[in-house]
Amino acid sequence: MDEQPVVPDNLKLGESGEKRYILRLFVTGASPNSIRAITNTKNICEKYLNGRYELEIIDVHQQPFIAASEDLIAIPMLMRKFPLPERRMIGDMSDTDKVLRGLELKKQEE
């Protein structure tokens, strides 16, 4: 059974008392796709999660042990570690609506 991470109370809420997000973005060096994913993810976080997110960018070549522990299936991959449940999104994060739905910041259109 997978153990869920224990998140300290001070990381659960942002400064305004809203839900805080803990994200990990896995990339491969300075490839064009990785650069786009980093730029797009940072822009989305600043616009929609300003002041209430933590983004860790992990280069799988530089930190292979972290990458191996996460069972990555493709790169770039954005993981929402918190709030639970964990969510994963693949690609350069250029489709803002899709990323917002993946982060559960926007409702799925019907």
PDB file of N, CA and C in Angstrom:
ATOM      1  N   MET A   1       0.845  -1.170   0.000  1.00  0.00           N
ATOM      2  CA  MET A   1       0.000   0.000   0.000  1.00  0.00           C
ATOM      3  C   MET A   1       0.891   1.235   0.000  1.00  0.00           C
ATOM      4  N   ASP A   2       0.575   2.229  -0.855  1.00  0.00           N
ATOM      5  CA  ASP A   2       1.342   3.464  -0.924  1.00  0.00           C
ATOM      6  C   ASP A   2       1.058   4.303   0.307  1.00  0.00           C
ATOM      7  N   GLU A   3       2.126   4.821   0.891  1.00  0.00           N
ATOM      8  CA  GLU A   3       1.965   5.709   2.030  1.00  0.00           C
ATOM      9  C   GLU A   3       1.781   7.123   1.519  1.00  0.00           C
ATOM     10  N   GLN A   4       0.812   7.827   2.060  1.00  0.00           N
ATOM     11  CA  GLN A   4       0.582   9.212   1.693  1.00  0.00           C
ATOM     12  C   GLN A   4       1.539  10.090   2.494  1.00  0.00           C
ATOM     13  N   PRO A   5       2.087  11.144   1.870  1.00  0.00           N
ATOM     14  CA  PRO A   5       3.015  12.006   2.597  1.00  0.00           C
ATOM     15  C   PRO A   5       2.309  12.743   3.720  1.00  0.00           C
ATOM     16  N   VAL A   6       3.037  12.945   4.800  1.00  0.00           N
ATOM     17  CA  VAL A   6       2.524  13.722   5.912  1.00  0.00           C
ATOM     18  C   VAL A   6       2.883  15.167   5.619  1.00  0.00           C
ATOM     19  N   VAL A   7       1.883  16.019   5.546  1.00  0.00           N
ATOM     20  CA  VAL A   7       2.098  17.427   5.221  1.00  0.00           C
ATOM     21  C   VAL A   7       1.893  18.246   6.484  1.00  0.00           C
ATOM     22  N   PRO A   8       2.946  18.993   6.887  1.00  0.00           N
ATOM     23  CA  PRO A   8       2.794  19.830   8.080  1.00  0.00           C
ATOM     24  C   PRO A   8       1.664  20.841   7.901  1.00  0.00           C
ATOM     25  N   ASP A   9       0.987  21.174   9.011  1.00  0.00           N
ATOM     26  CA  ASP A   9      -0.150  22.098   8.961  1.00  0.00           C
ATOM     27  C   ASP A   9       0.214  23.431   8.332  1.00  0.00           C
ATOM     28  N   ASN A  10       1.457  23.914   8.526  1.00  0.00           N
ATOM     29  CA  ASN A  10       1.819  25.212   7.981  1.00  0.00           C
ATOM     30  C   ASN A  10       1.959  25.195   6.466  1.00  0.00           C
ATOM     31  N   LEU A  11       1.969  24.025   5.836  1.00  0.00           N
ATOM     32  CA  LEU A  11       2.025  23.936   4.380  1.00  0.00           C
ATOM     33  C   LEU A  11       0.654  23.711   3.763  1.00  0.00           C
ATOM     34  N   LYS A  12      -0.357  23.448   4.566  1.00  0.00           N
ATOM     35  CA  LYS A  12      -1.677  23.135   4.029  1.00  0.00           C
ATOM     36  C   LYS A  12      -2.437  24.371   3.556  1.00  0.00           C
ATOM     37  N   LEU A  13      -2.157  25.526   4.150  1.00  0.00           N
ATOM     38  CA  LEU A  13      -2.878  26.738   3.785  1.00  0.00           C
ATOM     39  C   LEU A  13      -1.896  27.842   3.417  1.00  0.00           C
ATOM     40  N   GLY A  14      -2.254  28.617   2.402  1.00  0.00           N
ATOM     41  CA  GLY A  14      -1.456  29.760   1.994  1.00  0.00           C
ATOM     42  C   GLY A  14      -1.689  30.928   2.934  1.00  0.00           C
ATOM     43  N   GLU A  15      -1.051  32.051   2.617  1.00  0.00           N
ATOM     44  CA  GLU A  15      -1.153  33.236   3.462  1.00  0.00           C
ATOM     45  C   GLU A  15      -2.588  33.709   3.631  1.00  0.00           C
ATOM     46  N   SER A  16      -3.406  33.533   2.602  1.00  0.00           N
ATOM     47  CA  SER A  16      -4.791  34.006   2.672  1.00  0.00           C
ATOM     48  C   SER A  16      -5.732  32.960   3.267  1.00  0.00           C
ATOM     49  N   GLY A  17      -5.182  31.839   3.735  1.00  0.00           N
ATOM     50  CA  GLY A  17      -6.012  30.788   4.303  1.00  0.00           C
ATOM     51  C   GLY A  17      -6.553  29.829   3.266  1.00  0.00           C
ATOM     52  N   GLU A  18      -6.176  30.019   1.991  1.00  0.00           N
ATOM     53  CA  GLU A  18      -6.623  29.125   0.923  1.00  0.00           C
ATOM     54  C   GLU A  18      -5.707  27.902   0.855  1.00  0.00           C
ATOM     55  N   LYS A  19      -6.207  26.864   0.178  1.00  0.00           N
ATOM     56  CA  LYS A  19      -5.463  25.633  -0.010  1.00  0.00           C
ATOM     57  C   LYS A  19      -4.097  25.904  -0.621  1.00  0.00           C
ATOM     58  N   ARG A  20      -3.058  25.263  -0.110  1.00  0.00           N
ATOM     59  CA  ARG A  20      -1.699  25.389  -0.620  1.00  0.00           C
ATOM     60  C   ARG A  20      -1.411  24.185  -1.511  1.00  0.00           C
ATOM     61  N   TYR A  21      -0.628  24.396  -2.572  1.00  0.00           N
ATOM     62  CA  TYR A  21      -0.308  23.352  -3.533  1.00  0.00           C
ATOM     63  C   TYR A  21       1.175  23.029  -3.482  1.00  0.00           C
ATOM     64  N   ILE A  22       1.487  21.745  -3.457  1.00  0.00           N
ATOM     65  CA  ILE A  22       2.868  21.279  -3.535  1.00  0.00           C
ATOM     66  C   ILE A  22       2.992  20.531  -4.854  1.00  0.00           C
ATOM     67  N   LEU A  23       3.863  21.045  -5.732  1.00  0.00           N
ATOM     68  CA  LEU A  23       3.993  20.529  -7.088  1.00  0.00           C
ATOM     69  C   LEU A  23       5.432  20.121  -7.368  1.00  0.00           C
ATOM     70  N   ARG A  24       5.566  19.100  -8.213  1.00  0.00           N
ATOM     71  CA  ARG A  24       6.875  18.671  -8.709  1.00  0.00           C
ATOM     72  C   ARG A  24       6.796  18.604 -10.224  1.00  0.00           C
ATOM     73  N   LEU A  25       7.766  19.225 -10.890  1.00  0.00           N
ATOM     74  CA  LEU A  25       7.849  19.178 -12.343  1.00  0.00           C
ATOM     75  C   LEU A  25       9.119  18.435 -12.713  1.00  0.00           C
ATOM     76  N   PHE A  26       8.950  17.317 -13.413  1.00  0.00           N
ATOM     77  CA  PHE A  26      10.083  16.505 -13.861  1.00  0.00           C
ATOM     78  C   PHE A  26      10.413  16.872 -15.304  1.00  0.00           C
ATOM     79  N   VAL A  27      11.683  17.199 -15.551  1.00  0.00           N
ATOM     80  CA  VAL A  27      12.143  17.595 -16.876  1.00  0.00           C
ATOM     81  C   VAL A  27      13.435  16.857 -17.220  1.00  0.00           C
ATOM     82  N   THR A  28      13.861  17.002 -18.481  1.00  0.00           N
ATOM     83  CA  THR A  28      15.132  16.420 -18.930  1.00  0.00           C
ATOM     84  C   THR A  28      16.044  17.534 -19.416  1.00  0.00           C
ATOM     85  N   GLY A  29      16.854  18.050 -18.533  1.00  0.00           N
ATOM     86  CA  GLY A  29      17.827  19.072 -18.894  1.00  0.00           C
ATOM     87  C   GLY A  29      17.192  20.315 -19.485  1.00  0.00           C
ATOM     88  N   ALA A  30      17.890  20.878 -20.483  1.00  0.00           N
ATOM     89  CA  ALA A  30      17.450  22.127 -21.103  1.00  0.00           C
ATOM     90  C   ALA A  30      16.844  21.888 -22.477  1.00  0.00           C
ATOM     91  N   SER A  31      16.156  20.769 -22.638  1.00  0.00           N
ATOM     92  CA  SER A  31      15.501  20.488 -23.915  1.00  0.00           C
ATOM     93  C   SER A  31      14.403  21.521 -24.150  1.00  0.00           C
ATOM     94  N   PRO A  32      14.063  21.784 -25.419  1.00  0.00           N
ATOM     95  CA  PRO A  32      13.006  22.764 -25.696  1.00  0.00           C
ATOM     96  C   PRO A  32      11.688  22.445 -24.985  1.00  0.00           C
ATOM     97  N   ASN A  33      11.314  21.184 -24.959  1.00  0.00           N
ATOM     98  CA  ASN A  33      10.070  20.771 -24.290  1.00  0.00           C
ATOM     99  C   ASN A  33      10.143  21.051 -22.787  1.00  0.00           C
ATOM    100  N   SER A  34      11.295  20.782 -22.192  1.00  0.00           N
ATOM    101  CA  SER A  34      11.467  21.031 -20.757  1.00  0.00           C
ATOM    102  C   SER A  34      11.408  22.517 -20.443  1.00  0.00           C
ATOM    103  N   ILE A  35      12.071  23.331 -21.262  1.00  0.00           N
ATOM    104  CA  ILE A  35      12.062  24.787 -21.055  1.00  0.00           C
ATOM    105  C   ILE A  35      10.636  25.323 -21.149  1.00  0.00           C
ATOM    106  N   ARG A  36       9.874  24.852 -22.148  1.00  0.00           N
ATOM    107  CA  ARG A  36       8.471  25.284 -22.282  1.00  0.00           C
ATOM    108  C   ARG A  36       7.659  24.869 -21.063  1.00  0.00           C
ATOM    109  N   ALA A  37       7.866  23.624 -20.602  1.00  0.00           N
ATOM    110  CA  ALA A  37       7.119  23.130 -19.439  1.00  0.00           C
ATOM    111  C   ALA A  37       7.426  23.966 -18.199  1.00  0.00           C
ATOM    112  N   ILE A  38       8.683  24.309 -18.001  1.00  0.00           N
ATOM    113  CA  ILE A  38       9.075  25.121 -16.837  1.00  0.00           C
ATOM    114  C   ILE A  38       8.428  26.502 -16.923  1.00  0.00           C
ATOM    115  N   THR A  39       8.561  27.140 -18.078  1.00  0.00           N
ATOM    116  CA  THR A  39       8.005  28.483 -18.270  1.00  0.00           C
ATOM    117  C   THR A  39       6.493  28.487 -18.098  1.00  0.00           C
ATOM    118  N   ASN A  40       5.819  27.549 -18.762  1.00  0.00           N
ATOM    119  CA  ASN A  40       4.354  27.491 -18.684  1.00  0.00           C
ATOM    120  C   ASN A  40       3.878  27.198 -17.267  1.00  0.00           C
ATOM    121  N   THR A  41       4.542  26.267 -16.591  1.00  0.00           N
ATOM    122  CA  THR A  41       4.138  25.909 -15.221  1.00  0.00           C
ATOM    123  C   THR A  41       4.322  27.090 -14.283  1.00  0.00           C
ATOM    124  N   LYS A  42       5.467  27.773 -14.384  1.00  0.00           N
ATOM    125  CA  LYS A  42       5.699  28.936 -13.521  1.00  0.00           C
ATOM    126  C   LYS A  42       4.665  30.021 -13.782  1.00  0.00           C
ATOM    127  N   ASN A  43       4.344  30.263 -15.049  1.00  0.00           N
ATOM    128  CA  ASN A  43       3.345  31.290 -15.387  1.00  0.00           C
ATOM    129  C   ASN A  43       1.972  30.940 -14.816  1.00  0.00           C
ATOM    130  N   ILE A  44       1.561  29.680 -14.962  1.00  0.00           N
ATOM    131  CA  ILE A  44       0.271  29.232 -14.428  1.00  0.00           C
ATOM    132  C   ILE A  44       0.254  29.372 -12.907  1.00  0.00           C
ATOM    133  N   CYS A  45       1.331  28.947 -12.252  1.00  0.00           N
ATOM    134  CA  CYS A  45       1.391  29.028 -10.792  1.00  0.00           C
ATOM    135  C   CYS A  45       1.318  30.474 -10.309  1.00  0.00           C
ATOM    136  N   GLU A  46       2.042  31.362 -10.955  1.00  0.00           N
ATOM    137  CA  GLU A  46       2.030  32.766 -10.541  1.00  0.00           C
ATOM    138  C   GLU A  46       0.660  33.405 -10.759  1.00  0.00           C
ATOM    139  N   LYS A  47       0.005  33.037 -11.848  1.00  0.00           N
ATOM    140  CA  LYS A  47      -1.291  33.647 -12.148  1.00  0.00           C
ATOM    141  C   LYS A  47      -2.423  33.085 -11.291  1.00  0.00           C
ATOM    142  N   TYR A  48      -2.449  31.761 -11.098  1.00  0.00           N
ATOM    143  CA  TYR A  48      -3.602  31.123 -10.451  1.00  0.00           C
ATOM    144  C   TYR A  48      -3.343  30.653  -9.013  1.00  0.00           C
ATOM    145  N   LEU A  49      -2.074  30.553  -8.610  1.00  0.00           N
ATOM    146  CA  LEU A  49      -1.759  30.067  -7.263  1.00  0.00           C
ATOM    147  C   LEU A  49      -0.822  31.014  -6.519  1.00  0.00           C
ATOM    148  N   ASN A  50      -0.771  32.241  -6.915  1.00  0.00           N
ATOM    149  CA  ASN A  50       0.180  33.200  -6.378  1.00  0.00           C
ATOM    150  C   ASN A  50       0.186  33.199  -4.848  1.00  0.00           C
ATOM    151  N   GLY A  51       1.367  32.929  -4.275  1.00  0.00           N
ATOM    152  CA  GLY A  51       1.516  32.951  -2.822  1.00  0.00           C
ATOM    153  C   GLY A  51       1.070  31.703  -2.111  1.00  0.00           C
ATOM    154  N   ARG A  52       0.610  30.697  -2.849  1.00  0.00           N
ATOM    155  CA  ARG A  52       0.126  29.485  -2.164  1.00  0.00           C
ATOM    156  C   ARG A  52       0.553  28.207  -2.869  1.00  0.00           C
ATOM    157  N   TYR A  53       1.777  28.213  -3.362  1.00  0.00           N
ATOM    158  CA  TYR A  53       2.302  27.000  -3.985  1.00  0.00           C
ATOM    159  C   TYR A  53       3.794  26.857  -3.718  1.00  0.00           C
ATOM    160  N   GLU A  54       4.235  25.622  -3.815  1.00  0.00           N
ATOM    161  CA  GLU A  54       5.653  25.286  -3.761  1.00  0.00           C
ATOM    162  C   GLU A  54       5.911  24.445  -4.999  1.00  0.00           C
ATOM    163  N   LEU A  55       6.842  24.874  -5.849  1.00  0.00           N
ATOM    164  CA  LEU A  55       7.158  24.164  -7.083  1.00  0.00           C
ATOM    165  C   LEU A  55       8.596  23.699  -7.030  1.00  0.00           C
ATOM    166  N   GLU A  56       8.784  22.395  -7.138  1.00  0.00           N
ATOM    167  CA  GLU A  56      10.112  21.798  -7.184  1.00  0.00           C
ATOM    168  C   GLU A  56      10.341  21.301  -8.608  1.00  0.00           C
ATOM    169  N   ILE A  57      11.404  21.784  -9.245  1.00  0.00           N
ATOM    170  CA  ILE A  57      11.737  21.351 -10.599  1.00  0.00           C
ATOM    171  C   ILE A  57      12.866  20.338 -10.491  1.00  0.00           C
ATOM    172  N   ILE A  58      12.618  19.151 -11.027  1.00  0.00           N
ATOM    173  CA  ILE A  58      13.564  18.046 -10.902  1.00  0.00           C
ATOM    174  C   ILE A  58      14.035  17.613 -12.288  1.00  0.00           C
ATOM    175  N   ASP A  59      15.329  17.737 -12.521  1.00  0.00           N
ATOM    176  CA  ASP A  59      15.941  17.253 -13.759  1.00  0.00           C
ATOM    177  C   ASP A  59      16.259  15.773 -13.533  1.00  0.00           C
ATOM    178  N   VAL A  60      15.643  14.900 -14.303  1.00  0.00           N
ATOM    179  CA  VAL A  60      15.802  13.457 -14.080  1.00  0.00           C
ATOM    180  C   VAL A  60      17.235  12.986 -14.314  1.00  0.00           C
ATOM    181  N   HIS A  61      18.015  13.738 -15.086  1.00  0.00           N
ATOM    182  CA  HIS A  61      19.419  13.373 -15.288  1.00  0.00           C
ATOM    183  C   HIS A  61      20.266  13.739 -14.072  1.00  0.00           C
ATOM    184  N   GLN A  62      19.894  14.796 -13.383  1.00  0.00           N
ATOM    185  CA  GLN A  62      20.653  15.265 -12.223  1.00  0.00           C
ATOM    186  C   GLN A  62      20.206  14.577 -10.926  1.00  0.00           C
ATOM    187  N   GLN A  63      18.942  14.175 -10.870  1.00  0.00           N
ATOM    188  CA  GLN A  63      18.400  13.547  -9.661  1.00  0.00           C
ATOM    189  C   GLN A  63      17.671  12.246 -10.027  1.00  0.00           C
ATOM    190  N   PRO A  64      18.396  11.260 -10.538  1.00  0.00           N
ATOM    191  CA  PRO A  64      17.745  10.035 -11.014  1.00  0.00           C
ATOM    192  C   PRO A  64      17.044   9.233  -9.919  1.00  0.00           C
ATOM    193  N   PHE A  65      17.508   9.331  -8.674  1.00  0.00           N
ATOM    194  CA  PHE A  65      16.889   8.549  -7.603  1.00  0.00           C
ATOM    195  C   PHE A  65      15.485   9.056  -7.285  1.00  0.00           C
ATOM    196  N   ILE A  66      15.305  10.376  -7.309  1.00  0.00           N
ATOM    197  CA  ILE A  66      13.967  10.934  -7.084  1.00  0.00           C
ATOM    198  C   ILE A  66      13.051  10.521  -8.224  1.00  0.00           C
ATOM    199  N   ALA A  67      13.546  10.637  -9.441  1.00  0.00           N
ATOM    200  CA  ALA A  67      12.753  10.261 -10.618  1.00  0.00           C
ATOM    201  C   ALA A  67      12.356   8.790 -10.558  1.00  0.00           C
ATOM    202  N   ALA A  68      13.284   7.927 -10.185  1.00  0.00           N
ATOM    203  CA  ALA A  68      12.997   6.488 -10.126  1.00  0.00           C
ATOM    204  C   ALA A  68      11.943   6.172  -9.073  1.00  0.00           C
ATOM    205  N   SER A  69      11.918   6.934  -8.000  1.00  0.00           N
ATOM    206  CA  SER A  69      10.966   6.653  -6.919  1.00  0.00           C
ATOM    207  C   SER A  69       9.549   7.082  -7.263  1.00  0.00           C
ATOM    208  N   GLU A  70       9.364   7.849  -8.323  1.00  0.00           N
ATOM    209  CA  GLU A  70       8.047   8.377  -8.669  1.00  0.00           C
ATOM    210  C   GLU A  70       7.355   7.620  -9.801  1.00  0.00           C
ATOM    211  N   ASP A  71       7.949   6.579 -10.339  1.00  0.00           N
ATOM    212  CA  ASP A  71       7.335   5.790 -11.416  1.00  0.00           C
ATOM    213  C   ASP A  71       6.880   6.670 -12.579  1.00  0.00           C
ATOM    214  N   LEU A  72       7.804   7.454 -13.109  1.00  0.00           N
ATOM    215  CA  LEU A  72       7.484   8.351 -14.220  1.00  0.00           C
ATOM    216  C   LEU A  72       7.200   7.545 -15.476  1.00  0.00           C
ATOM    217  N   ILE A  73       6.210   8.000 -16.246  1.00  0.00           N
ATOM    218  CA  ILE A  73       5.880   7.312 -17.493  1.00  0.00           C
ATOM    219  C   ILE A  73       6.223   8.159 -18.715  1.00  0.00           C
ATOM    220  N   ALA A  74       6.392   9.456 -18.523  1.00  0.00           N
ATOM    221  CA  ALA A  74       6.763  10.361 -19.609  1.00  0.00           C
ATOM    222  C   ALA A  74       7.296  11.652 -18.984  1.00  0.00           C
ATOM    223  N   ILE A  75       8.039  12.401 -19.791  1.00  0.00           N
ATOM    224  CA  ILE A  75       8.611  13.658 -19.309  1.00  0.00           C
ATOM    225  C   ILE A  75       8.464  14.682 -20.413  1.00  0.00           C
ATOM    226  N   PRO A  76       8.140  15.916 -20.119  1.00  0.00           N
ATOM    227  CA  PRO A  76       7.911  16.519 -18.810  1.00  0.00           C
ATOM    228  C   PRO A  76       6.621  16.018 -18.161  1.00  0.00           C
ATOM    229  N   MET A  77       6.667  15.962 -16.833  1.00  0.00           N
ATOM    230  CA  MET A  77       5.499  15.552 -16.056  1.00  0.00           C
ATOM    231  C   MET A  77       5.366  16.454 -14.840  1.00  0.00           C
ATOM    232  N   LEU A  78       4.162  16.987 -14.658  1.00  0.00           N
ATOM    233  CA  LEU A  78       3.850  17.795 -13.488  1.00  0.00           C
ATOM    234  C   LEU A  78       3.039  16.941 -12.529  1.00  0.00           C
ATOM    235  N   MET A  79       3.483  16.881 -11.284  1.00  0.00           N
ATOM    236  CA  MET A  79       2.770  16.121 -10.251  1.00  0.00           C
ATOM    237  C   MET A  79       2.261  17.080  -9.187  1.00  0.00           C
ATOM    238  N   ARG A  80       1.000  16.918  -8.869  1.00  0.00           N
ATOM    239  CA  ARG A  80       0.437  17.641  -7.733  1.00  0.00           C
ATOM    240  C   ARG A  80       0.531  16.675  -6.560  1.00  0.00           C
ATOM    241  N   LYS A  81       1.438  16.966  -5.631  1.00  0.00           N
ATOM    242  CA  LYS A  81       1.628  16.112  -4.464  1.00  0.00           C
ATOM    243  C   LYS A  81       0.615  16.429  -3.369  1.00  0.00           C
ATOM    244  N   PHE A  82       0.228  17.693  -3.287  1.00  0.00           N
ATOM    245  CA  PHE A  82      -0.750  18.126  -2.298  1.00  0.00           C
ATOM    246  C   PHE A  82      -1.505  19.300  -2.879  1.00  0.00           C
ATOM    247  N   PRO A  83      -2.793  19.420  -2.718  1.00  0.00           N
ATOM    248  CA  PRO A  83      -3.660  18.570  -1.909  1.00  0.00           C
ATOM    249  C   PRO A  83      -3.870  17.200  -2.552  1.00  0.00           C
ATOM    250  N   LEU A  84      -4.144  16.260  -1.695  1.00  0.00           N
ATOM    251  CA  LEU A  84      -4.413  14.893  -2.134  1.00  0.00           C
ATOM    252  C   LEU A  84      -5.773  14.819  -2.797  1.00  0.00           C
ATOM    253  N   PRO A  85      -6.038  13.923  -3.699  1.00  0.00           N
ATOM    254  CA  PRO A  85      -5.138  12.880  -4.161  1.00  0.00           C
ATOM    255  C   PRO A  85      -4.098  13.447  -5.129  1.00  0.00           C
ATOM    256  N   GLU A  86      -3.002  12.726  -5.229  1.00  0.00           N
ATOM    257  CA  GLU A  86      -1.937  13.107  -6.152  1.00  0.00           C
ATOM    258  C   GLU A  86      -2.468  13.080  -7.581  1.00  0.00           C
ATOM    259  N   ARG A  87      -2.046  14.039  -8.380  1.00  0.00           N
ATOM    260  CA  ARG A  87      -2.445  14.099  -9.792  1.00  0.00           C
ATOM    261  C   ARG A  87      -1.199  14.235 -10.647  1.00  0.00           C
ATOM    262  N   ARG A  88      -1.255  13.720 -11.879  1.00  0.00           N
ATOM    263  CA  ARG A  88      -0.119  13.793 -12.809  1.00  0.00           C
ATOM    264  C   ARG A  88      -0.587  14.322 -14.161  1.00  0.00           C
ATOM    265  N   MET A  89       0.230  15.203 -14.730  1.00  0.00           N
ATOM    266  CA  MET A  89      -0.052  15.753 -16.057  1.00  0.00           C
ATOM    267  C   MET A  89       1.215  15.659 -16.890  1.00  0.00           C
ATOM    268  N   ILE A  90       1.057  15.271 -18.136  1.00  0.00           N
ATOM    269  CA  ILE A  90       2.194  15.069 -19.032  1.00  0.00           C
ATOM    270  C   ILE A  90       2.159  16.112 -20.135  1.00  0.00           C
ATOM    271  N   GLY A  91       3.337  16.602 -20.526  1.00  0.00           N
ATOM    272  CA  GLY A  91       3.444  17.525 -21.645  1.00  0.00           C
ATOM    273  C   GLY A  91       4.111  18.823 -21.250  1.00  0.00           C
ATOM    274  N   ASP A  92       4.065  19.802 -22.160  1.00  0.00           N
ATOM    275  CA  ASP A  92       4.757  21.071 -21.910  1.00  0.00           C
ATOM    276  C   ASP A  92       3.891  22.093 -21.171  1.00  0.00           C
ATOM    277  N   MET A  93       2.730  21.694 -20.723  1.00  0.00           N
ATOM    278  CA  MET A  93       1.804  22.514 -19.926  1.00  0.00           C
ATOM    279  C   MET A  93       1.339  23.753 -20.686  1.00  0.00           C
ATOM    280  N   SER A  94       1.311  23.658 -22.018  1.00  0.00           N
ATOM    281  CA  SER A  94       0.889  24.802 -22.833  1.00  0.00           C
ATOM    282  C   SER A  94      -0.630  24.953 -22.890  1.00  0.00           C
ATOM    283  N   ASP A  95      -1.364  23.894 -22.569  1.00  0.00           N
ATOM    284  CA  ASP A  95      -2.831  23.965 -22.541  1.00  0.00           C
ATOM    285  C   ASP A  95      -3.258  24.347 -21.123  1.00  0.00           C
ATOM    286  N   THR A  96      -3.363  25.652 -20.895  1.00  0.00           N
ATOM    287  CA  THR A  96      -3.643  26.164 -19.549  1.00  0.00           C
ATOM    288  C   THR A  96      -4.922  25.588 -18.970  1.00  0.00           C
ATOM    289  N   ASP A  97      -5.989  25.505 -19.761  1.00  0.00           N
ATOM    290  CA  ASP A  97      -7.254  24.959 -19.257  1.00  0.00           C
ATOM    291  C   ASP A  97      -7.078  23.515 -18.777  1.00  0.00           C
ATOM    292  N   LYS A  98      -6.336  22.725 -19.524  1.00  0.00           N
ATOM    293  CA  LYS A  98      -6.107  21.326 -19.154  1.00  0.00           C
ATOM    294  C   LYS A  98      -5.304  21.244 -17.849  1.00  0.00           C
ATOM    295  N   VAL A  99      -4.303  22.097 -17.699  1.00  0.00           N
ATOM    296  CA  VAL A  99      -3.503  22.111 -16.468  1.00  0.00           C
ATOM    297  C   VAL A  99      -4.375  22.545 -15.289  1.00  0.00           C
ATOM    298  N   LEU A 100      -5.193  23.570 -15.483  1.00  0.00           N
ATOM    299  CA  LEU A 100      -6.077  24.029 -14.406  1.00  0.00           C
ATOM    300  C   LEU A 100      -7.060  22.945 -13.987  1.00  0.00           C
ATOM    301  N   ARG A 101      -7.585  22.188 -14.953  1.00  0.00           N
ATOM    302  CA  ARG A 101      -8.475  21.071 -14.619  1.00  0.00           C
ATOM    303  C   ARG A 101      -7.692  19.992 -13.874  1.00  0.00           C
ATOM    304  N   GLY A 102      -6.461  19.722 -14.314  1.00  0.00           N
ATOM    305  CA  GLY A 102      -5.624  18.713 -13.656  1.00  0.00           C
ATOM    306  C   GLY A 102      -5.295  19.089 -12.223  1.00  0.00           C
ATOM    307  N   LEU A 103      -5.116  20.365 -11.990  1.00  0.00           N
ATOM    308  CA  LEU A 103      -4.849  20.848 -10.631  1.00  0.00           C
ATOM    309  C   LEU A 103      -6.131  21.011  -9.825  1.00  0.00           C
ATOM    310  N   GLU A 104      -7.255  20.791 -10.492  1.00  0.00           N
ATOM    311  CA  GLU A 104      -8.585  20.961  -9.916  1.00  0.00           C
ATOM    312  C   GLU A 104      -8.831  22.397  -9.489  1.00  0.00           C
ATOM    313  N   LEU A 105      -8.341  23.332 -10.311  1.00  0.00           N
ATOM    314  CA  LEU A 105      -8.605  24.750 -10.116  1.00  0.00           C
ATOM    315  C   LEU A 105      -9.746  25.213 -11.020  1.00  0.00           C
ATOM    316  N   LYS A 106     -10.130  24.352 -11.953  1.00  0.00           N
ATOM    317  CA  LYS A 106     -11.200  24.664 -12.885  1.00  0.00           C
ATOM    318  C   LYS A 106     -12.025  23.401 -13.065  1.00  0.00           C
ATOM    319  N   LYS A 107     -13.317  23.542 -13.083  1.00  0.00           N
ATOM    320  CA  LYS A 107     -14.211  22.387 -13.263  1.00  0.00           C
ATOM    321  C   LYS A 107     -14.136  21.860 -14.676  1.00  0.00           C
ATOM    322  N   GLN A 108     -14.288  20.562 -14.811  1.00  0.00           N
ATOM    323  CA  GLN A 108     -14.337  19.912 -16.131  1.00  0.00           C
ATOM    324  C   GLN A 108     -15.557  20.424 -16.878  1.00  0.00           C
ATOM    325  N   GLU A 109     -15.323  20.892 -18.126  1.00  0.00           N
ATOM    326  CA  GLU A 109     -16.462  21.346 -18.926  1.00  0.00           C
ATOM    327  C   GLU A 109     -17.332  20.150 -19.313  1.00  0.00           C
ATOM    328  N   GLU A 110     -18.611  20.393 -19.364  1.00  0.00           N
ATOM    329  CA  GLU A 110     -19.557  19.311 -19.669  1.00  0.00           C
ATOM    330  C   GLU A 110     -19.801  19.193 -21.148  1.00  0.00           C
TER     331      GLU A 110
END
